[in-house]
């Protein structure tokens, strides 16, 4: 019973974090969420909880699809195209891991996503501000 209260508290904090987060922080939260779901999925495979595994891996894949689909491939050029392809590959590998119950495949996906998250977290504040300003100007030019 106490666990439900803790989970409700976490969900409330998550909603508050998302409401006050900038796009950079939201992307970082999504990446961490995908990594968390992959870790939970691994635990489910080890416990032979296949229903839980399917749920967690499905959520991890959905997060990666969201990250993939929000890439601005027009602005990002070759870098965005490469990242798009990498997300596609990770989604495919999550599907493989789900079907095969393969922890090694899950480790592969974690090892691909973790450096992206680490690099994203390391973006300097001034670079983030420049990107936000460029996006704001781009939106104003469209209106």
N, C-alpha and C. Protein backbone atom coordinates (compact mmCIF):
# COMPACT_ATOMS: atom_id res chain seq x y z
N UNK A 1 0.82 -1.18 0.00
CA UNK A 1 0.00 0.00 0.00
C UNK A 1 0.87 1.26 0.00
N UNK A 2 1.95 1.25 0.77
CA UNK A 2 2.84 2.41 0.82
C UNK A 2 3.50 2.67 -0.52
N UNK A 3 3.72 1.60 -1.29
CA UNK A 3 4.35 1.74 -2.59
C UNK A 3 3.48 2.55 -3.54
N UNK A 4 2.15 2.38 -3.45
CA UNK A 4 1.25 3.17 -4.30
C UNK A 4 1.38 4.65 -3.98
N UNK A 5 1.50 4.98 -2.70
CA UNK A 5 1.68 6.38 -2.30
C UNK A 5 2.98 6.96 -2.81
N UNK A 6 4.03 6.17 -2.75
CA UNK A 6 5.34 6.61 -3.25
C UNK A 6 5.27 6.83 -4.75
N UNK A 7 4.64 5.89 -5.47
CA UNK A 7 4.52 6.03 -6.93
C UNK A 7 3.68 7.25 -7.30
N UNK A 8 2.61 7.51 -6.56
CA UNK A 8 1.79 8.69 -6.83
C UNK A 8 2.59 9.95 -6.59
N UNK A 9 3.41 9.96 -5.55
CA UNK A 9 4.27 11.10 -5.25
C UNK A 9 5.27 11.33 -6.38
N UNK A 10 5.87 10.24 -6.87
CA UNK A 10 6.84 10.34 -7.97
C UNK A 10 6.17 10.90 -9.21
N UNK A 11 4.94 10.41 -9.53
CA UNK A 11 4.23 10.89 -10.71
C UNK A 11 3.92 12.38 -10.58
N UNK A 12 3.54 12.81 -9.38
CA UNK A 12 3.27 14.22 -9.16
C UNK A 12 4.51 15.06 -9.37
N UNK A 13 5.63 14.59 -8.86
CA UNK A 13 6.89 15.31 -9.06
C UNK A 13 7.30 15.33 -10.52
N UNK A 14 7.08 14.22 -11.22
CA UNK A 14 7.42 14.16 -12.65
C UNK A 14 6.61 15.17 -13.43
N UNK A 15 5.31 15.24 -13.15
CA UNK A 15 4.46 16.22 -13.84
C UNK A 15 4.94 17.63 -13.57
N UNK A 16 5.32 17.90 -12.34
CA UNK A 16 5.82 19.23 -11.99
C UNK A 16 7.14 19.52 -12.70
N UNK A 17 8.02 18.53 -12.76
CA UNK A 17 9.30 18.69 -13.46
C UNK A 17 9.09 18.98 -14.94
N UNK A 18 8.17 18.24 -15.57
CA UNK A 18 7.91 18.42 -16.99
C UNK A 18 7.31 19.80 -17.25
N UNK A 19 6.39 20.22 -16.39
CA UNK A 19 5.73 21.51 -16.57
C UNK A 19 6.71 22.67 -16.51
N UNK A 20 7.77 22.52 -15.72
CA UNK A 20 8.71 23.62 -15.56
C UNK A 20 9.99 23.44 -16.37
N UNK A 21 10.06 22.38 -17.18
CA UNK A 21 11.31 22.07 -17.89
C UNK A 21 11.37 22.74 -19.25
N UNK A 22 12.60 23.05 -19.65
CA UNK A 22 12.82 23.55 -21.01
C UNK A 22 12.97 22.34 -21.93
N UNK A 23 12.96 22.55 -23.25
CA UNK A 23 13.04 21.41 -24.19
C UNK A 23 14.28 20.53 -23.97
N UNK A 24 15.39 21.14 -23.60
CA UNK A 24 16.61 20.38 -23.35
C UNK A 24 16.40 19.41 -22.19
N UNK A 25 15.83 19.91 -21.12
CA UNK A 25 15.58 19.10 -19.92
C UNK A 25 14.57 17.99 -20.23
N UNK A 26 13.54 18.29 -21.00
CA UNK A 26 12.55 17.27 -21.35
C UNK A 26 13.21 16.15 -22.15
N UNK A 27 14.06 16.50 -23.09
CA UNK A 27 14.76 15.48 -23.88
C UNK A 27 15.63 14.62 -22.97
N UNK A 28 16.31 15.25 -22.03
CA UNK A 28 17.15 14.53 -21.07
C UNK A 28 16.30 13.59 -20.22
N UNK A 29 15.13 14.05 -19.80
CA UNK A 29 14.22 13.22 -19.01
C UNK A 29 13.72 12.02 -19.84
N UNK A 30 13.44 12.25 -21.11
CA UNK A 30 13.00 11.16 -21.97
C UNK A 30 14.10 10.10 -22.13
N UNK A 31 15.32 10.57 -22.35
CA UNK A 31 16.42 9.62 -22.49
C UNK A 31 16.59 8.80 -21.22
N UNK A 32 16.52 9.48 -20.06
CA UNK A 32 16.64 8.76 -18.79
C UNK A 32 15.48 7.79 -18.62
N UNK A 33 14.30 8.20 -19.04
CA UNK A 33 13.14 7.31 -18.96
C UNK A 33 13.33 6.06 -19.80
N UNK A 34 13.88 6.22 -20.99
CA UNK A 34 14.13 5.05 -21.85
C UNK A 34 15.16 4.12 -21.20
N UNK A 35 16.21 4.71 -20.64
CA UNK A 35 17.23 3.89 -19.96
C UNK A 35 16.63 3.17 -18.76
N UNK A 36 15.78 3.86 -18.00
CA UNK A 36 15.12 3.23 -16.85
C UNK A 36 14.24 2.06 -17.30
N UNK A 37 13.46 2.28 -18.36
CA UNK A 37 12.57 1.22 -18.86
C UNK A 37 13.38 0.02 -19.34
N UNK A 38 14.51 0.28 -19.98
CA UNK A 38 15.35 -0.82 -20.42
C UNK A 38 15.89 -1.61 -19.22
N UNK A 39 16.30 -0.90 -18.18
CA UNK A 39 16.80 -1.57 -16.97
C UNK A 39 15.69 -2.39 -16.32
N UNK A 40 14.50 -1.81 -16.23
CA UNK A 40 13.37 -2.55 -15.67
C UNK A 40 13.06 -3.79 -16.52
N UNK A 41 13.12 -3.62 -17.84
CA UNK A 41 12.88 -4.74 -18.74
C UNK A 41 13.89 -5.86 -18.54
N UNK A 42 15.14 -5.49 -18.33
CA UNK A 42 16.17 -6.50 -18.06
C UNK A 42 15.84 -7.27 -16.79
N UNK A 43 15.43 -6.54 -15.76
CA UNK A 43 15.05 -7.20 -14.51
C UNK A 43 13.89 -8.14 -14.70
N UNK A 44 12.93 -7.73 -15.51
CA UNK A 44 11.77 -8.59 -15.79
C UNK A 44 12.19 -9.86 -16.51
N UNK A 45 13.12 -9.75 -17.45
CA UNK A 45 13.59 -10.95 -18.15
C UNK A 45 14.27 -11.89 -17.16
N UNK A 46 15.10 -11.33 -16.29
CA UNK A 46 15.80 -12.15 -15.30
C UNK A 46 14.82 -12.86 -14.36
N UNK A 47 13.69 -12.21 -14.06
CA UNK A 47 12.68 -12.80 -13.16
C UNK A 47 11.64 -13.62 -13.93
N UNK A 48 11.79 -13.66 -15.25
CA UNK A 48 10.83 -14.33 -16.13
C UNK A 48 9.43 -13.72 -16.02
N UNK A 49 9.40 -12.41 -15.81
CA UNK A 49 8.15 -11.64 -15.81
C UNK A 49 7.98 -11.09 -17.22
N UNK A 50 7.45 -11.91 -18.11
CA UNK A 50 7.40 -11.56 -19.52
C UNK A 50 6.36 -10.48 -19.82
N UNK A 51 5.32 -10.41 -19.02
CA UNK A 51 4.33 -9.35 -19.20
C UNK A 51 4.96 -7.99 -18.85
N UNK A 52 5.67 -7.94 -17.74
CA UNK A 52 6.35 -6.71 -17.35
C UNK A 52 7.42 -6.32 -18.35
N UNK A 53 8.15 -7.32 -18.85
CA UNK A 53 9.18 -7.07 -19.86
C UNK A 53 8.58 -6.40 -21.09
N UNK A 54 7.47 -6.96 -21.55
CA UNK A 54 6.83 -6.41 -22.75
C UNK A 54 6.39 -4.98 -22.52
N UNK A 55 5.84 -4.69 -21.35
CA UNK A 55 5.38 -3.34 -21.04
C UNK A 55 6.55 -2.35 -21.01
N UNK A 56 7.61 -2.71 -20.31
CA UNK A 56 8.75 -1.80 -20.19
C UNK A 56 9.47 -1.59 -21.53
N UNK A 57 9.65 -2.65 -22.27
CA UNK A 57 10.33 -2.50 -23.56
C UNK A 57 9.48 -1.74 -24.55
N UNK A 58 8.18 -1.92 -24.48
CA UNK A 58 7.27 -1.16 -25.33
C UNK A 58 7.37 0.33 -25.01
N UNK A 59 7.43 0.66 -23.74
CA UNK A 59 7.56 2.07 -23.34
C UNK A 59 8.90 2.64 -23.76
N UNK A 60 9.97 1.85 -23.61
CA UNK A 60 11.30 2.32 -24.04
C UNK A 60 11.29 2.60 -25.54
N UNK A 61 10.70 1.71 -26.32
CA UNK A 61 10.63 1.90 -27.77
C UNK A 61 9.81 3.14 -28.10
N UNK A 62 8.71 3.35 -27.39
CA UNK A 62 7.86 4.51 -27.64
C UNK A 62 8.61 5.81 -27.35
N UNK A 63 9.40 5.82 -26.30
CA UNK A 63 10.20 7.01 -25.98
C UNK A 63 11.21 7.27 -27.09
N UNK A 64 11.88 6.23 -27.55
CA UNK A 64 12.85 6.40 -28.63
C UNK A 64 12.18 6.85 -29.92
N UNK A 65 10.96 6.37 -30.18
CA UNK A 65 10.22 6.83 -31.35
C UNK A 65 9.92 8.32 -31.24
N UNK A 66 9.56 8.76 -30.05
CA UNK A 66 9.29 10.17 -29.83
C UNK A 66 10.56 10.99 -30.05
N UNK A 67 11.67 10.54 -29.50
CA UNK A 67 12.93 11.25 -29.69
C UNK A 67 13.30 11.30 -31.17
N UNK A 68 13.13 10.19 -31.86
CA UNK A 68 13.42 10.12 -33.29
C UNK A 68 12.53 11.08 -34.08
N UNK A 69 11.25 11.07 -33.77
CA UNK A 69 10.30 11.85 -34.55
C UNK A 69 10.35 13.35 -34.27
N UNK A 70 11.00 13.74 -33.20
CA UNK A 70 11.10 15.18 -32.90
C UNK A 70 12.41 15.79 -33.39
N UNK A 71 13.24 14.98 -34.03
CA UNK A 71 14.47 15.52 -34.60
C UNK A 71 14.13 16.50 -35.73
N UNK A 72 14.81 17.62 -35.76
CA UNK A 72 14.64 18.57 -36.86
C UNK A 72 15.69 18.23 -37.91
N UNK A 73 15.34 17.33 -38.79
CA UNK A 73 16.30 16.82 -39.77
C UNK A 73 16.67 17.86 -40.81
N UNK A 74 15.82 18.84 -41.00
CA UNK A 74 16.11 19.92 -41.93
C UNK A 74 17.26 20.78 -41.41
N UNK A 75 17.19 21.13 -40.14
CA UNK A 75 18.20 21.99 -39.53
C UNK A 75 19.45 21.21 -39.17
N UNK A 76 19.27 20.00 -38.68
CA UNK A 76 20.40 19.21 -38.17
C UNK A 76 21.25 18.55 -39.22
N UNK A 77 20.76 18.49 -40.44
CA UNK A 77 21.53 17.93 -41.54
C UNK A 77 21.98 16.49 -41.30
N UNK A 78 23.22 16.23 -41.65
CA UNK A 78 23.76 14.87 -41.58
C UNK A 78 23.75 14.34 -40.16
N UNK A 79 24.03 15.20 -39.19
CA UNK A 79 24.02 14.76 -37.78
C UNK A 79 22.64 14.23 -37.40
N UNK A 80 21.60 14.99 -37.74
CA UNK A 80 20.23 14.56 -37.42
C UNK A 80 19.87 13.28 -38.15
N UNK A 81 20.30 13.17 -39.40
CA UNK A 81 20.02 11.95 -40.16
C UNK A 81 20.68 10.73 -39.51
N UNK A 82 21.92 10.90 -39.06
CA UNK A 82 22.62 9.80 -38.40
C UNK A 82 21.95 9.44 -37.08
N UNK A 83 21.55 10.43 -36.32
CA UNK A 83 20.88 10.18 -35.05
C UNK A 83 19.53 9.51 -35.29
N UNK A 84 18.81 9.95 -36.32
CA UNK A 84 17.54 9.33 -36.70
C UNK A 84 17.76 7.83 -36.98
N UNK A 85 18.78 7.53 -37.76
CA UNK A 85 19.09 6.13 -38.10
C UNK A 85 19.47 5.33 -36.85
N UNK A 86 20.19 5.96 -35.94
CA UNK A 86 20.58 5.27 -34.71
C UNK A 86 19.36 4.98 -33.84
N UNK A 87 18.46 5.94 -33.73
CA UNK A 87 17.21 5.69 -32.99
C UNK A 87 16.43 4.55 -33.64
N UNK A 88 16.34 4.56 -34.98
CA UNK A 88 15.67 3.48 -35.71
C UNK A 88 16.28 2.12 -35.36
N UNK A 89 17.60 2.08 -35.36
CA UNK A 89 18.31 0.83 -35.05
C UNK A 89 18.00 0.39 -33.63
N UNK A 90 18.03 1.32 -32.68
CA UNK A 90 17.76 0.96 -31.28
C UNK A 90 16.34 0.44 -31.12
N UNK A 91 15.38 1.06 -31.79
CA UNK A 91 13.99 0.60 -31.72
C UNK A 91 13.89 -0.83 -32.26
N UNK A 92 14.56 -1.08 -33.37
CA UNK A 92 14.56 -2.42 -33.96
C UNK A 92 15.18 -3.44 -33.01
N UNK A 93 16.26 -3.04 -32.36
CA UNK A 93 16.95 -3.96 -31.44
C UNK A 93 16.11 -4.22 -30.19
N UNK A 94 15.35 -3.22 -29.73
CA UNK A 94 14.45 -3.45 -28.59
C UNK A 94 13.41 -4.49 -28.97
N UNK A 95 12.91 -4.40 -30.19
CA UNK A 95 11.94 -5.40 -30.67
C UNK A 95 12.58 -6.78 -30.67
N UNK A 96 13.81 -6.87 -31.15
CA UNK A 96 14.54 -8.15 -31.15
C UNK A 96 14.70 -8.68 -29.73
N UNK A 97 15.10 -7.80 -28.81
CA UNK A 97 15.30 -8.21 -27.42
C UNK A 97 14.01 -8.70 -26.81
N UNK A 98 12.92 -8.04 -27.15
CA UNK A 98 11.61 -8.43 -26.63
C UNK A 98 11.22 -9.83 -27.12
N UNK A 99 11.43 -10.07 -28.39
CA UNK A 99 11.07 -11.37 -28.98
C UNK A 99 11.99 -12.48 -28.45
N UNK A 100 13.27 -12.18 -28.36
CA UNK A 100 14.26 -13.21 -28.03
C UNK A 100 14.58 -13.30 -26.53
N UNK A 101 14.04 -12.37 -25.73
CA UNK A 101 14.38 -12.30 -24.30
C UNK A 101 15.89 -12.27 -24.10
N UNK A 102 16.54 -11.39 -24.85
CA UNK A 102 18.00 -11.36 -24.91
C UNK A 102 18.55 -10.16 -24.15
N UNK A 103 19.22 -10.43 -23.04
CA UNK A 103 19.81 -9.37 -22.22
C UNK A 103 20.97 -8.69 -22.94
N UNK A 104 21.70 -9.43 -23.77
CA UNK A 104 22.83 -8.84 -24.50
C UNK A 104 22.37 -7.75 -25.46
N UNK A 105 21.24 -7.99 -26.12
CA UNK A 105 20.71 -6.98 -27.04
C UNK A 105 20.30 -5.73 -26.25
N UNK A 106 19.71 -5.95 -25.09
CA UNK A 106 19.31 -4.81 -24.27
C UNK A 106 20.53 -4.02 -23.81
N UNK A 107 21.60 -4.72 -23.45
CA UNK A 107 22.84 -4.04 -23.08
C UNK A 107 23.39 -3.24 -24.26
N UNK A 108 23.26 -3.79 -25.46
CA UNK A 108 23.71 -3.08 -26.66
C UNK A 108 22.96 -1.75 -26.80
N UNK A 109 21.65 -1.78 -26.63
CA UNK A 109 20.85 -0.56 -26.76
C UNK A 109 21.22 0.44 -25.66
N UNK A 110 21.36 -0.05 -24.44
CA UNK A 110 21.76 0.83 -23.33
C UNK A 110 23.11 1.47 -23.63
N UNK A 111 24.05 0.68 -24.15
CA UNK A 111 25.39 1.19 -24.46
C UNK A 111 25.39 2.16 -25.64
N UNK A 112 24.36 2.12 -26.47
CA UNK A 112 24.24 3.10 -27.56
C UNK A 112 23.59 4.40 -27.05
N UNK A 113 22.58 4.26 -26.18
CA UNK A 113 21.84 5.42 -25.72
C UNK A 113 22.57 6.21 -24.65
N UNK A 114 23.30 5.54 -23.79
CA UNK A 114 23.94 6.22 -22.66
C UNK A 114 24.91 7.32 -23.09
N UNK A 115 25.77 7.11 -24.09
CA UNK A 115 26.66 8.20 -24.51
C UNK A 115 25.91 9.39 -25.11
N UNK A 116 24.78 9.11 -25.77
CA UNK A 116 23.97 10.21 -26.32
C UNK A 116 23.43 11.05 -25.18
N UNK A 117 22.90 10.37 -24.16
CA UNK A 117 22.36 11.08 -23.00
C UNK A 117 23.46 11.87 -22.29
N UNK A 118 24.61 11.27 -22.14
CA UNK A 118 25.73 11.93 -21.46
C UNK A 118 26.17 13.17 -22.24
N UNK A 119 26.26 13.05 -23.54
CA UNK A 119 26.63 14.20 -24.38
C UNK A 119 25.56 15.28 -24.30
N UNK A 120 24.30 14.88 -24.33
CA UNK A 120 23.20 15.84 -24.25
C UNK A 120 23.26 16.60 -22.93
N UNK A 121 23.54 15.88 -21.85
CA UNK A 121 23.62 16.51 -20.53
C UNK A 121 24.80 17.48 -20.45
N UNK A 122 25.82 17.26 -21.28
CA UNK A 122 27.02 18.09 -21.24
C UNK A 122 26.96 19.33 -22.13
N UNK A 123 25.84 19.57 -22.78
CA UNK A 123 25.75 20.75 -23.64
C UNK A 123 25.83 22.01 -22.78
N UNK A 124 26.74 22.92 -23.11
CA UNK A 124 26.88 24.14 -22.30
C UNK A 124 25.62 25.01 -22.34
N UNK A 125 25.39 25.72 -21.27
CA UNK A 125 24.20 26.56 -21.14
C UNK A 125 24.11 27.60 -22.26
N UNK A 126 25.24 28.22 -22.63
CA UNK A 126 25.19 29.25 -23.68
C UNK A 126 24.79 28.65 -25.03
N UNK A 127 25.21 27.42 -25.30
CA UNK A 127 24.82 26.76 -26.55
C UNK A 127 23.31 26.47 -26.55
N UNK A 128 22.78 26.06 -25.40
CA UNK A 128 21.33 25.83 -25.30
C UNK A 128 20.57 27.12 -25.56
N UNK A 129 21.04 28.20 -24.97
CA UNK A 129 20.35 29.48 -25.14
C UNK A 129 20.38 29.95 -26.59
N UNK A 130 21.51 29.74 -27.26
CA UNK A 130 21.60 30.10 -28.68
C UNK A 130 20.61 29.28 -29.51
N UNK A 131 20.49 28.00 -29.19
CA UNK A 131 19.56 27.14 -29.93
C UNK A 131 18.12 27.57 -29.69
N UNK A 132 17.77 27.91 -28.45
CA UNK A 132 16.41 28.36 -28.13
C UNK A 132 16.09 29.65 -28.88
N UNK A 133 17.07 30.54 -28.93
CA UNK A 133 16.87 31.82 -29.62
C UNK A 133 16.68 31.59 -31.13
N UNK A 134 17.47 30.70 -31.69
CA UNK A 134 17.33 30.39 -33.12
C UNK A 134 15.96 29.79 -33.41
N UNK A 135 15.49 28.91 -32.54
CA UNK A 135 14.17 28.31 -32.71
C UNK A 135 13.07 29.36 -32.59
N UNK A 136 13.21 30.25 -31.63
CA UNK A 136 12.23 31.32 -31.44
C UNK A 136 12.15 32.20 -32.67
N UNK A 137 13.30 32.57 -33.21
CA UNK A 137 13.35 33.40 -34.42
C UNK A 137 12.75 32.67 -35.61
N UNK A 138 13.00 31.38 -35.71
CA UNK A 138 12.46 30.57 -36.80
C UNK A 138 10.93 30.55 -36.72
N UNK A 139 10.39 30.37 -35.51
CA UNK A 139 8.93 30.37 -35.35
C UNK A 139 8.32 31.71 -35.67
N UNK A 140 9.01 32.79 -35.29
CA UNK A 140 8.48 34.13 -35.57
C UNK A 140 8.51 34.42 -37.06
N UNK A 141 9.49 33.91 -37.76
CA UNK A 141 9.58 34.13 -39.21
C UNK A 141 8.43 33.41 -39.94
N UNK A 142 7.98 32.30 -39.38
CA UNK A 142 6.90 31.53 -39.99
C UNK A 142 5.57 32.25 -39.80
N UNK A 143 5.40 32.88 -38.64
CA UNK A 143 4.14 33.58 -38.34
C UNK A 143 4.10 34.84 -39.09
